[in-house]
Each structure stands twice: as structure tokens, then as C-alpha cells.
């Protein structure tokens, strides 16, 4: 009996797999893309944002922003990537060959490299704190704020952990799409979820946990105003890894048979679920120590200068604090690694596709360059004085790391996402984009709604974020 002729999509997938790699399974893609989206911001920023901005009311606004802003933009990036089978620069140049639209892809590559440089520094802190927790550094007699200041001001520790974390990223990406990123994502993401769930169970069963849960989950609609809506929009937007070409790159490894709509839904849902679970983990733990999350305790201040004090007050000391604390910082390290891998892959894919480099050479060089660019960030927390106060913003001196985050982690990402909306919906054309989505999803029932959101609603929402980033950046932290 003759074998059936392969379909056109099978031929395309086979050619793509031989040339540059393709995901081995949809589950592998979901783990990898969700890992890209799930990062430090989900765990250390979301809980306090929700608690300080109306609790469950904020959660509802956040979910709406994910559904109507985040998912449409993510679907646009995945569609562009799969259609062209190229990196961000090559993808945009393929669909809009005339004009300077390809610069949006170049902006994404530069943004990925810049964010990776300082993200690796912050991620290195999580590795250092795993060591500190296991060695029982955090005791009731130790001031965690002073300890973090001493740690951040130690140039050799900052650079050491920065180097270790960057090396881990290179080791994952150098293996390629299927044998490297997908294989490790299938290990790292389930591990992250198991650790998170164990920490949530322990946290909600702590003495006094009910007060923390009430603070987090009780809706307070009186706190909802325009700034809170923008804060929820910013949280939803930035946590999904949009605007830097990561989803274009990951989408370029997808099979033509995959349903892009369900893929985007799974990734967005996983990202939101981890963020919400993080609130169930962090806030009851703070309640144990009688700490109410304040605006000034968000971010790194909460994680490295506040939570270690909570660990030192856990039941069954010292082992309770050591186990809970070590598991927490391991969780952070896993979340950081899965996100950083996607940043490294964006730049690596550009060099492989556009410059014809071998993956090993491209990955190693990008890792080395990003490490070097990240050194000023590593030294800007106290080791080198002038790097600690580069510019003044709203009367506050900010260092090199914070400056990089505002320029690339906020402004550049936002502007890049705006350009993606304009390119996919207008320059390339919504009809062509919709046709690509229908590969693997012929009906695409919500196609009209997606086009409307991408053409009109998403650009307005993204421009609103841009305005607040310029006029009142404290709203989106």
C-alpha cells in the first residue's frame, strides 16, 4: 500500500525542523513560552500590586487586561513568527519588505540583549540567597535590609552570581530548540509549579494566614481609579514578555498544525495563574510577621529585605525557615531562568537567521556580551558610587540598573509592542494575519474580535501605558 503524500504543512514543518528547529510538541512550546512569560515580576511584584490596589477588584481588572490586551498582542507575535519562520528582524522584513518597519524587530533584539544583561544580575541574587538561606544566615538577630545592602555592595559576589546565572542560560540555549530549550522547560516548569504549590499550601496554613488572605482576596472597589487600572494594565502587559520579539521567535518554531489561539490562551493563563498563586504564597507569610505590604515594600525590597525576616519567624526553627526560604529562592531562580532563556534566544535566533552563525557560536557570544554589559548593573547597588546615582527622576536618584530597566524593561518594550500591533494589523494586514491563524484553527470564531482589538483597542491601551511611563512612571513599577 502506497504511503499518503505529505501535506504542504508537513513539508514546511519538516524543512523548518531541518533548517532551524521546531518544537517537538505543543506541550513543549507551552512550557517554554509560559516560562518566558513567568518571571520575577509575577512573584515579587504582583502580590503587592493586588493587595495595595483593591485586592480581588484589582485581580478582575488584571484578568480583563490579559484577555483583551495581552492575549491579542501575544497572538499577533506568534502569528508573525510562525508565518515567516524567522527572527524578529527577518520576520518583519518578510511581511513588510519596504520601509523601515524592520527596525521594530531590531529594537526587539536590542531590548532582549539589554534586559538580559541586568536581569541576570537580579537573578543572580536569588542564587546567592539560596546559599545564604541554606547556611542559616537569616536569624531573628540579623537585619535583612542591612544584609542585602552588604550583599549588593559586594562587587565580587554580584559579578560571581551574575556569571553563574548567565552560564546556566547559555547551557540551556546552546542545545537548540528541541534538545535545549524545550527539554529543559519540561523539567524546569513542572518543578517550578510543584515548588510553588508546596509553598502556597504551607503559607495558607501558617498561623494568622487568614488575615493575609483577606487583605489579598477581599475586593475593595473604592480603591479603583484610573491609576489602578493603568497599574493592572501594566502588570498584565509586562508579565507576558511582549514587545521584545520573544513570542515572535518562539512562534517561529511552531508547527503549521498548531492552534495559535489555544497556544496563546494556555501561555497567558499559565502566567496569570502563577501570579495569582504567588499572592497566596507571599501575603499570608507577611501576615505571620505582622507586616502589611506597602508600596515601598514591593519588588526587590519585599523579597530580599523583608521576607528573610519572615523566614526567621517560621514555625519549627531553624529548619522551617531554612526549608521554606530555600524553596522560595529556588522558585525565584527557576522563574528567572525560564524568562532569561527566552531573552537569550531572541538575540541568538537573530544571529543564526540573519548572519548565518552556528548556534553554539551565537549563544556563547551573546552570553558573553550580555554578561559584560551587565557588569555596570552589578556594580550599581553600592560597589561603585557614581553608578548608584546616574540620574534624578522625580526627585529620586536612580542607579544604572534601574535606569536600564526604565529604558528597556519599560519604555522600549512598550513602544515595541505598539509597533507590532501596527505592523500586524495595518502594515502587513489583518486579513493576511487572520489567514495564518486559521492554519490549525480553520473556524477562528473570534477572528473579528481579535482584529478589532489589535487595530484599535490594543494600540490605545499601549499608548496609555507610554504616556504614564513618561508623565507618572511611579504608577507602573
Protein backbone atom coordinates (compact mmCIF):
# COMPACT_ATOMS: atom_id res chain seq x y z
CA UNK A 1 0.00 0.00 0.00
CA UNK A 2 1.40 3.39 -1.01
CA UNK A 3 2.12 5.91 1.71
CA UNK A 4 -0.02 9.06 1.59
CA UNK A 5 1.63 12.16 0.18
CA UNK A 6 2.72 14.60 2.90
CA UNK A 7 0.64 17.75 3.21
CA UNK A 8 2.06 21.18 2.46
CA UNK A 9 2.14 21.98 6.19
CA UNK A 10 4.09 18.78 6.89
CA UNK A 11 6.60 19.68 4.19
CA UNK A 12 7.01 23.19 5.64
CA UNK A 13 7.41 21.81 9.16
CA UNK A 14 9.98 19.26 8.02
CA UNK A 15 12.02 21.92 6.23
CA UNK A 16 11.85 24.22 9.25
CA UNK A 17 12.92 21.45 11.60
CA UNK A 18 15.98 20.69 9.49
CA UNK A 19 16.98 24.32 9.00
CA UNK A 20 16.48 26.00 12.37
CA UNK A 21 14.49 23.77 14.71
CA UNK A 22 10.85 23.22 15.64
CA UNK A 23 9.07 22.39 18.90
CA UNK A 24 8.72 18.66 19.44
CA UNK A 25 5.23 19.05 20.90
CA UNK A 26 2.65 21.67 21.75
CA UNK A 27 3.21 20.96 25.45
CA UNK A 28 6.89 21.71 24.98
CA UNK A 29 6.05 25.06 23.41
CA UNK A 30 3.57 25.92 26.17
CA UNK A 31 6.13 25.16 28.86
CA UNK A 32 8.80 27.21 27.08
CA UNK A 33 6.58 30.18 26.25
CA UNK A 34 4.95 30.17 29.69
CA UNK A 35 8.44 30.04 31.16
CA UNK A 36 9.32 33.12 29.13
CA UNK A 37 6.29 34.96 30.48
CA UNK A 38 6.61 33.74 34.08
CA UNK A 39 9.41 35.69 35.70
CA UNK A 40 10.40 37.54 38.83
CA UNK A 41 7.67 40.15 38.32
CA UNK A 42 4.94 37.54 38.74
CA UNK A 43 6.24 36.51 42.14
CA UNK A 44 7.57 39.67 43.73
CA UNK A 45 5.51 42.42 42.10
CA UNK A 46 2.03 41.06 41.52
CA UNK A 47 1.07 40.20 45.13
CA UNK A 48 1.73 43.69 46.50
CA UNK A 49 0.20 45.38 43.44
CA UNK A 50 -3.01 43.43 44.02
CA UNK A 51 -3.03 43.91 47.78
CA UNK A 52 -2.47 47.66 47.55
CA UNK A 53 -4.94 48.30 44.75
CA UNK A 54 -8.22 46.74 45.79
CA UNK A 55 -7.43 43.06 46.21
CA UNK A 56 -9.90 40.95 44.25
CA UNK A 57 -11.10 44.07 42.42
CA UNK A 58 -7.58 44.53 41.04
CA UNK A 59 -7.49 40.84 40.08
CA UNK A 60 -10.62 41.23 37.97
CA UNK A 61 -9.19 44.25 36.14
CA UNK A 62 -5.89 42.44 35.65
CA UNK A 63 -7.59 39.37 34.14
CA UNK A 64 -9.62 41.60 31.80
CA UNK A 65 -6.40 43.31 30.66
CA UNK A 66 -4.78 39.94 29.98
CA UNK A 67 -7.77 38.79 27.93
CA UNK A 68 -8.38 41.93 25.87
CA UNK A 69 -4.89 43.44 25.60
CA UNK A 70 -2.20 40.88 26.42
CA UNK A 71 -3.58 37.88 24.55
CA UNK A 72 -4.31 39.72 21.27
CA UNK A 73 -0.77 41.13 21.14
CA UNK A 74 0.70 37.73 22.02
CA UNK A 75 -1.35 36.10 19.27
CA UNK A 76 -0.08 38.74 16.83
CA UNK A 77 3.55 37.95 17.71
CA UNK A 78 3.03 34.19 17.46
CA UNK A 79 1.27 34.61 14.12
CA UNK A 80 4.05 36.76 12.68
CA UNK A 81 6.71 34.33 13.88
CA UNK A 82 5.06 31.16 12.58
CA UNK A 83 4.16 32.69 9.21
CA UNK A 84 7.73 33.76 8.45
CA UNK A 85 9.78 31.14 10.34
CA UNK A 86 12.28 33.88 11.18
CA UNK A 87 13.71 36.02 13.97
CA UNK A 88 12.05 39.41 14.75
CA UNK A 89 14.10 41.36 12.17
CA UNK A 90 13.69 38.79 9.40
CA UNK A 91 10.00 38.25 10.22
CA UNK A 92 9.05 41.90 9.86
CA UNK A 93 11.25 42.36 6.80
CA UNK A 94 9.48 39.39 5.18
CA UNK A 95 5.93 40.68 5.61
CA UNK A 96 6.74 44.39 5.10
CA UNK A 97 9.79 44.48 2.80
CA UNK A 98 9.55 48.19 2.08
CA UNK A 99 10.25 50.99 4.51
CA UNK A 100 11.88 50.93 7.92
CA UNK A 101 9.42 48.66 9.73
CA UNK A 102 12.21 46.10 10.21
CA UNK A 103 13.70 48.48 12.78
CA UNK A 104 10.91 47.35 15.13
CA UNK A 105 12.47 43.88 15.02
CA UNK A 106 15.93 45.33 15.57
CA UNK A 107 14.57 47.21 18.58
CA UNK A 108 13.28 43.91 19.95
CA UNK A 109 16.68 42.24 19.57
CA UNK A 110 18.49 45.15 21.24
CA UNK A 111 15.88 45.23 24.01
CA UNK A 112 16.26 41.50 24.64
CA UNK A 113 20.04 41.85 24.94
CA UNK A 114 19.79 44.86 27.26
CA UNK A 115 17.17 43.31 29.55
CA UNK A 116 19.12 40.06 29.77
CA UNK A 117 22.21 41.98 30.92
CA UNK A 118 20.63 43.36 34.09
CA UNK A 119 18.02 40.63 34.58
CA UNK A 120 20.90 38.20 35.02
CA UNK A 121 22.26 40.37 37.84
CA UNK A 122 18.94 40.35 39.71
CA UNK A 123 18.50 36.64 39.05
CA UNK A 124 21.97 36.10 40.48
CA UNK A 125 20.70 37.49 43.78
CA UNK A 126 18.27 34.57 44.00
CA UNK A 127 21.17 32.11 43.68
CA UNK A 128 23.12 33.96 46.35
CA UNK A 129 20.14 33.91 48.68
CA UNK A 130 19.66 30.18 48.24
CA UNK A 131 23.20 29.82 49.61
CA UNK A 132 22.54 32.29 52.43
CA UNK A 133 19.30 30.58 53.43
CA UNK A 134 20.77 27.09 53.49
CA UNK A 135 23.72 28.33 55.59
CA UNK A 136 21.22 29.71 58.15
CA UNK A 137 22.24 33.33 57.65
CA UNK A 138 18.76 34.65 58.42
CA UNK A 139 18.18 34.66 62.16
CA UNK A 140 15.96 36.91 64.30
CA UNK A 141 19.08 38.89 65.27
CA UNK A 142 20.00 39.73 61.66
CA UNK A 143 18.65 42.85 59.94
CA UNK A 144 17.81 41.58 56.41
CA UNK A 145 17.82 45.09 54.95
CA UNK A 146 21.41 45.68 56.09
CA UNK A 147 22.38 42.19 54.94
CA UNK A 148 21.02 42.85 51.46
CA UNK A 149 22.82 46.19 51.34
CA UNK A 150 26.11 44.48 52.18
CA UNK A 151 25.43 41.73 49.62
CA UNK A 152 24.53 44.17 46.83
CA UNK A 153 27.58 46.29 47.66
CA UNK A 154 29.97 43.35 47.39
CA UNK A 155 31.37 43.60 43.86
CA UNK A 156 32.78 40.08 43.74
CA UNK A 157 29.56 38.40 44.89
CA UNK A 158 27.49 40.42 42.43
CA UNK A 159 29.70 39.53 39.49
CA UNK A 160 30.13 35.89 40.58
CA UNK A 161 26.41 35.13 40.76
CA UNK A 162 25.78 37.16 37.61
CA UNK A 163 28.33 34.97 35.80
CA UNK A 164 26.90 31.71 37.18
CA UNK A 165 23.36 32.61 36.14
CA UNK A 166 24.44 33.71 32.65
CA UNK A 167 26.34 30.45 32.23
CA UNK A 168 23.19 28.48 33.10
CA UNK A 169 21.26 30.39 30.41
CA UNK A 170 23.92 29.66 27.80
CA UNK A 171 23.94 25.95 28.70
CA UNK A 172 20.18 25.71 28.10
CA UNK A 173 20.03 27.70 24.84
CA UNK A 174 23.15 26.21 23.27
CA UNK A 175 21.36 22.85 23.00
CA UNK A 176 18.90 24.26 20.46
CA UNK A 177 15.12 24.46 20.34
CA UNK A 178 14.12 20.85 20.97
CA UNK A 179 17.13 19.41 22.79
CA UNK A 180 17.88 22.57 24.75
CA UNK A 181 15.02 24.99 25.47
CA UNK A 182 12.13 22.52 25.19
CA UNK A 183 13.84 19.72 27.11
CA UNK A 184 14.83 21.98 29.99
CA UNK A 185 11.46 23.77 30.01
CA UNK A 186 9.76 20.40 30.51
CA UNK A 187 11.91 19.93 33.60
CA UNK A 188 12.02 23.48 34.97
CA UNK A 189 8.36 24.47 34.60
CA UNK A 190 6.80 21.44 36.37
CA UNK A 191 9.44 21.82 39.09
CA UNK A 192 8.55 25.49 39.47
CA UNK A 193 4.85 24.65 39.74
CA UNK A 194 5.39 21.89 42.32
CA UNK A 195 7.59 24.13 44.49
CA UNK A 196 5.09 26.98 44.23
CA UNK A 197 2.14 24.79 45.19
CA UNK A 198 4.03 23.36 48.18
CA UNK A 199 4.88 26.88 49.34
CA UNK A 200 1.27 28.01 48.87
CA UNK A 201 -0.02 25.10 50.96
CA UNK A 202 2.47 25.87 53.71
CA UNK A 203 1.79 29.60 53.57
CA UNK A 204 -2.01 29.42 53.79
CA UNK A 205 -1.73 27.05 56.78
CA UNK A 206 0.53 29.40 58.78
CA UNK A 207 -0.84 30.99 61.96
CA UNK A 208 -2.71 34.18 61.05
CA UNK A 209 -2.80 33.35 57.33
CA UNK A 210 -6.47 34.31 57.12
CA UNK A 211 -5.68 38.00 57.61
CA UNK A 212 -3.22 37.93 54.72
CA UNK A 213 -5.71 36.13 52.50
CA UNK A 214 -8.41 38.62 53.38
CA UNK A 215 -6.07 41.50 52.56
CA UNK A 216 -5.38 39.91 49.18
CA UNK A 217 -8.73 38.50 48.10
CA UNK A 218 -11.32 40.87 49.58
CA UNK A 219 -12.49 43.25 46.84
CA UNK A 220 -12.25 46.95 47.65
CA UNK A 221 -13.75 48.82 44.72
CA UNK A 222 -13.28 52.17 46.46
CA UNK A 223 -9.57 51.99 45.61
CA UNK A 224 -10.18 51.60 41.89
CA UNK A 225 -9.30 54.67 39.83
CA UNK A 226 -7.53 55.36 36.55
CA UNK A 227 -4.07 54.89 38.05
CA UNK A 228 -5.04 51.47 39.42
CA UNK A 229 -6.45 50.44 36.03
CA UNK A 230 -3.19 51.52 34.36
CA UNK A 231 -1.20 49.62 37.03
CA UNK A 232 -3.21 46.46 36.27
CA UNK A 233 -2.74 47.01 32.55
CA UNK A 234 0.99 47.45 33.01
CA UNK A 235 1.25 44.34 35.18
CA UNK A 236 -0.67 42.24 32.65
CA UNK A 237 1.30 43.63 29.75
CA UNK A 238 4.86 43.42 31.06
CA UNK A 239 4.45 39.98 32.62
CA UNK A 240 3.67 38.36 29.25
CA UNK A 241 7.10 39.00 27.65
CA UNK A 242 5.63 41.11 24.85
CA UNK A 243 7.38 43.72 22.75
CA UNK A 244 10.89 42.26 22.59
CA UNK A 245 10.45 39.57 19.98
CA UNK A 246 10.41 36.58 22.33
CA UNK A 247 6.98 35.39 21.21
CA UNK A 248 7.85 36.07 17.56
CA UNK A 249 10.94 33.90 17.98
CA UNK A 250 9.13 31.13 19.88
CA UNK A 251 6.26 31.31 17.39
CA UNK A 252 8.70 30.76 14.53
CA UNK A 253 9.36 27.25 15.88
CA UNK A 254 5.66 26.29 15.93
CA UNK A 255 4.13 23.73 13.61
CA UNK A 256 1.61 24.89 10.99
CA UNK A 257 -0.81 22.40 12.54
CA UNK A 258 -0.78 24.08 15.97
CA UNK A 259 -3.77 26.13 17.07
CA UNK A 260 -2.28 29.56 17.78
CA UNK A 261 -5.33 30.78 19.67
CA UNK A 262 -5.26 27.98 22.23
CA UNK A 263 -1.47 28.30 22.44
CA UNK A 264 -1.74 31.99 23.34
CA UNK A 265 -4.55 31.19 25.79
CA UNK A 266 -2.54 28.49 27.57
CA UNK A 267 0.52 30.73 27.92
CA UNK A 268 -1.50 33.73 29.13
CA UNK A 269 -3.49 31.56 31.52
CA UNK A 270 -0.38 29.94 32.99
CA UNK A 271 1.27 33.32 33.50
CA UNK A 272 -1.79 34.72 35.29
CA UNK A 273 -2.26 31.59 37.41
CA UNK A 274 1.33 31.71 38.67
CA UNK A 275 0.95 35.41 39.54
CA UNK A 276 -2.26 34.77 41.50
CA UNK A 277 -0.73 31.77 43.30
CA UNK A 278 2.25 33.94 44.21
CA UNK A 279 -0.11 36.20 46.13
CA UNK A 280 -1.42 33.20 48.07
CA UNK A 281 2.19 32.36 48.94
CA UNK A 282 3.61 35.78 49.84
CA UNK A 283 0.85 37.66 51.66
CA UNK A 284 -0.06 35.07 54.33
CA UNK A 285 3.66 34.76 55.08
CA UNK A 286 3.87 38.52 55.61
CA UNK A 287 0.84 38.38 57.87
CA UNK A 288 2.72 35.91 60.10
CA UNK A 289 5.25 38.62 60.86
CA UNK A 290 2.60 41.33 61.21
CA UNK A 291 3.72 43.06 58.02
CA UNK A 292 1.26 44.73 55.72
CA UNK A 293 2.57 45.12 52.17
CA UNK A 294 3.22 48.75 51.41
CA UNK A 295 4.10 50.47 48.20
CA UNK A 296 7.70 50.89 49.33
CA UNK A 297 7.98 47.17 50.05
CA UNK A 298 7.36 45.99 46.52
CA UNK A 299 9.92 44.43 44.23
CA UNK A 300 13.38 43.64 45.47
CA UNK A 301 12.72 45.37 48.79
CA UNK A 302 9.97 42.90 49.63
CA UNK A 303 11.87 39.81 48.50
CA UNK A 304 15.37 40.47 49.81
CA UNK A 305 14.87 42.94 52.66
CA UNK A 306 11.51 41.86 54.15
CA UNK A 307 10.77 38.18 53.50
CA UNK A 308 14.02 36.88 55.09
CA UNK A 309 12.71 38.33 58.37
CA UNK A 310 9.55 36.26 57.83
CA UNK A 311 11.58 33.11 57.23
CA UNK A 312 13.38 33.61 60.54
CA UNK A 313 9.98 33.57 62.30
CA UNK A 314 8.63 30.42 60.66
CA UNK A 315 7.48 27.55 62.92
CA UNK A 316 9.93 24.71 63.63
CA UNK A 317 13.00 26.94 63.70
CA UNK A 318 15.60 26.83 62.38
CA UNK A 319 14.59 24.10 59.92
CA UNK A 320 11.20 25.59 59.00
CA UNK A 321 12.79 28.86 57.94
CA UNK A 322 15.65 27.17 56.10
CA UNK A 323 13.37 24.83 54.13
CA UNK A 324 10.72 27.46 53.32
CA UNK A 325 13.30 30.14 52.50
CA UNK A 326 15.50 27.91 50.34
CA UNK A 327 12.48 26.60 48.42
CA UNK A 328 11.28 30.15 47.87
CA UNK A 329 14.56 31.40 46.42
CA UNK A 330 14.92 28.24 44.31
CA UNK A 331 11.45 29.04 42.95
CA UNK A 332 12.60 32.57 42.10
CA UNK A 333 15.73 31.23 40.41
CA UNK A 334 13.68 28.82 38.27
CA UNK A 335 11.28 31.58 37.22
CA UNK A 336 14.18 33.86 36.37
CA UNK A 337 15.98 31.18 34.35
CA UNK A 338 13.00 30.31 32.16
CA UNK A 339 12.49 34.01 31.37
CA UNK A 340 16.17 34.73 30.75
CA UNK A 341 16.43 31.79 28.35
CA UNK A 342 13.86 33.43 26.04
CA UNK A 343 15.79 36.71 26.14
CA UNK A 344 18.97 34.94 25.10
CA UNK A 345 17.15 33.01 22.37
CA UNK A 346 15.83 36.22 20.74
CA UNK A 347 19.35 37.51 20.05
CA UNK A 348 20.71 34.05 19.24
CA UNK A 349 17.96 33.46 16.65
CA UNK A 350 18.80 36.80 15.01
CA UNK A 351 22.46 35.83 14.58
CA UNK A 352 21.56 32.34 13.35
CA UNK A 353 18.91 33.52 10.87
CA UNK A 354 20.29 36.84 9.63
CA UNK A 355 24.04 36.33 9.93
CA UNK A 356 24.24 32.59 9.31
CA UNK A 357 26.13 31.85 12.53
CA UNK A 358 26.21 28.44 14.17
CA UNK A 359 24.06 28.25 17.29
CA UNK A 360 26.95 27.42 19.62
CA UNK A 361 28.98 30.42 18.48
CA UNK A 362 25.99 32.78 18.58
CA UNK A 363 24.81 31.68 22.02
CA UNK A 364 28.27 31.88 23.58
CA UNK A 365 28.98 35.32 22.15
CA UNK A 366 25.60 36.77 23.15
CA UNK A 367 26.02 35.38 26.67
CA UNK A 368 29.50 36.90 26.96
CA UNK A 369 28.41 40.31 25.61
CA UNK A 370 25.34 40.40 27.83
CA UNK A 371 27.46 39.48 30.84
CA UNK A 372 29.85 42.34 30.06
CA UNK A 373 27.02 44.84 29.58
CA UNK A 374 25.56 43.69 32.90
CA UNK A 375 28.70 44.44 34.94
CA UNK A 376 27.77 48.14 35.49
CA UNK A 377 24.36 46.97 36.75
CA UNK A 378 26.07 44.53 39.11
CA UNK A 379 28.22 47.35 40.49
CA UNK A 380 25.44 49.94 40.75
CA UNK A 381 23.96 48.74 44.05
CA UNK A 382 26.72 50.19 46.17
CA UNK A 383 30.01 48.80 44.89
CA UNK A 384 30.69 51.84 42.67
CA UNK A 385 29.23 55.10 43.93
CA UNK A 386 28.70 57.01 40.70
CA UNK A 387 26.87 54.04 39.15
CA UNK A 388 24.41 54.14 42.05
CA UNK A 389 23.09 57.61 41.19
CA UNK A 390 23.19 58.03 37.43
CA UNK A 391 20.19 60.35 37.01
CA UNK A 392 17.48 62.02 39.07
CA UNK A 393 13.89 61.00 38.36
CA UNK A 394 11.04 62.69 40.23
CA UNK A 395 13.49 63.84 42.89
CA UNK A 396 14.93 60.36 43.40
CA UNK A 397 18.42 59.28 42.39
CA UNK A 398 18.42 56.05 40.41
CA UNK A 399 21.36 53.86 39.50
CA UNK A 400 22.48 52.15 36.32
CA UNK A 401 20.37 49.01 36.85
CA UNK A 402 17.15 50.96 37.47
CA UNK A 403 17.91 53.22 34.52
CA UNK A 404 18.33 50.19 32.23
CA UNK A 405 15.03 48.78 33.50
CA UNK A 406 13.15 52.01 32.82
CA UNK A 407 14.65 52.49 29.35
CA UNK A 408 14.49 48.91 28.10
CA UNK A 409 12.26 46.97 30.51
CA UNK A 410 9.51 49.58 30.31
CA UNK A 411 9.76 52.19 27.52
CA UNK A 412 11.39 50.06 24.83
CA UNK A 413 9.12 47.05 25.48
CA UNK A 414 6.00 49.21 25.35
CA UNK A 415 6.99 51.04 22.19
CA UNK A 416 7.99 47.76 20.55
CA UNK A 417 4.57 46.26 21.29
CA UNK A 418 2.85 49.29 19.79
CA UNK A 419 4.87 48.81 16.62
CA UNK A 420 3.95 45.10 16.49
CA UNK A 421 0.25 46.00 16.62
CA UNK A 422 0.66 48.48 13.78
CA UNK A 423 2.73 46.08 11.69
CA UNK A 424 0.48 43.02 12.02
CA UNK A 425 -2.87 44.83 11.88
CA UNK A 426 -2.08 47.54 9.35
CA UNK A 427 1.28 47.28 7.50
CA UNK A 428 1.13 43.53 6.88
CA UNK A 429 -2.65 43.41 7.02
CA UNK A 430 -5.18 41.88 9.38
CA UNK A 431 -6.65 39.68 6.62
CA UNK A 432 -3.27 38.02 5.97
CA UNK A 433 -2.63 37.63 9.69
CA UNK A 434 -6.08 36.13 10.23
CA UNK A 435 -5.47 33.66 7.40
CA UNK A 436 -2.27 32.49 9.11
CA UNK A 437 -4.12 31.93 12.40
CA UNK A 438 -6.62 29.77 10.51
CA UNK A 439 -3.84 27.26 9.83
CA UNK A 440 -4.58 24.89 12.69
CA UNK A 441 -7.79 26.75 13.57
CA UNK A 442 -9.91 26.96 10.38
CA UNK A 443 -13.01 28.39 12.05
CA UNK A 444 -11.31 31.05 14.24
CA UNK A 445 -14.68 32.15 15.64
CA UNK A 446 -13.25 35.19 17.42
CA UNK A 447 -11.25 36.38 14.43
CA UNK A 448 -13.28 39.55 14.01
CA UNK A 449 -12.90 40.47 17.67
CA UNK A 450 -9.13 39.84 17.54
CA UNK A 451 -8.72 42.11 14.52
CA UNK A 452 -10.79 44.87 16.17
CA UNK A 453 -8.80 44.67 19.41
CA UNK A 454 -5.47 44.60 17.58
CA UNK A 455 -6.34 47.50 15.30
CA UNK A 456 -7.93 49.87 17.79
CA UNK A 457 -8.11 48.81 21.44
CA UNK A 458 -4.57 47.48 21.97
CA UNK A 459 -2.78 50.49 20.41
CA UNK A 460 -4.80 52.90 22.57
CA UNK A 461 -4.10 50.86 25.72
CA UNK A 462 -0.38 50.63 24.92
CA UNK A 463 -0.16 54.37 24.21
CA UNK A 464 -1.81 54.96 27.59
CA UNK A 465 0.98 52.97 29.23
CA UNK A 466 3.54 55.02 27.31
CA UNK A 467 2.01 58.28 28.48
CA UNK A 468 2.06 57.19 32.12
CA UNK A 469 5.64 55.95 31.79
CA UNK A 470 6.66 59.44 30.71
CA UNK A 471 4.32 61.59 32.84
CA UNK A 472 3.92 59.50 36.01
CA UNK A 473 6.24 56.45 35.93
CA UNK A 474 5.54 55.63 39.61
CA UNK A 475 2.18 54.15 38.55
CA UNK A 476 3.88 51.36 36.58
CA UNK A 477 6.75 49.98 38.66
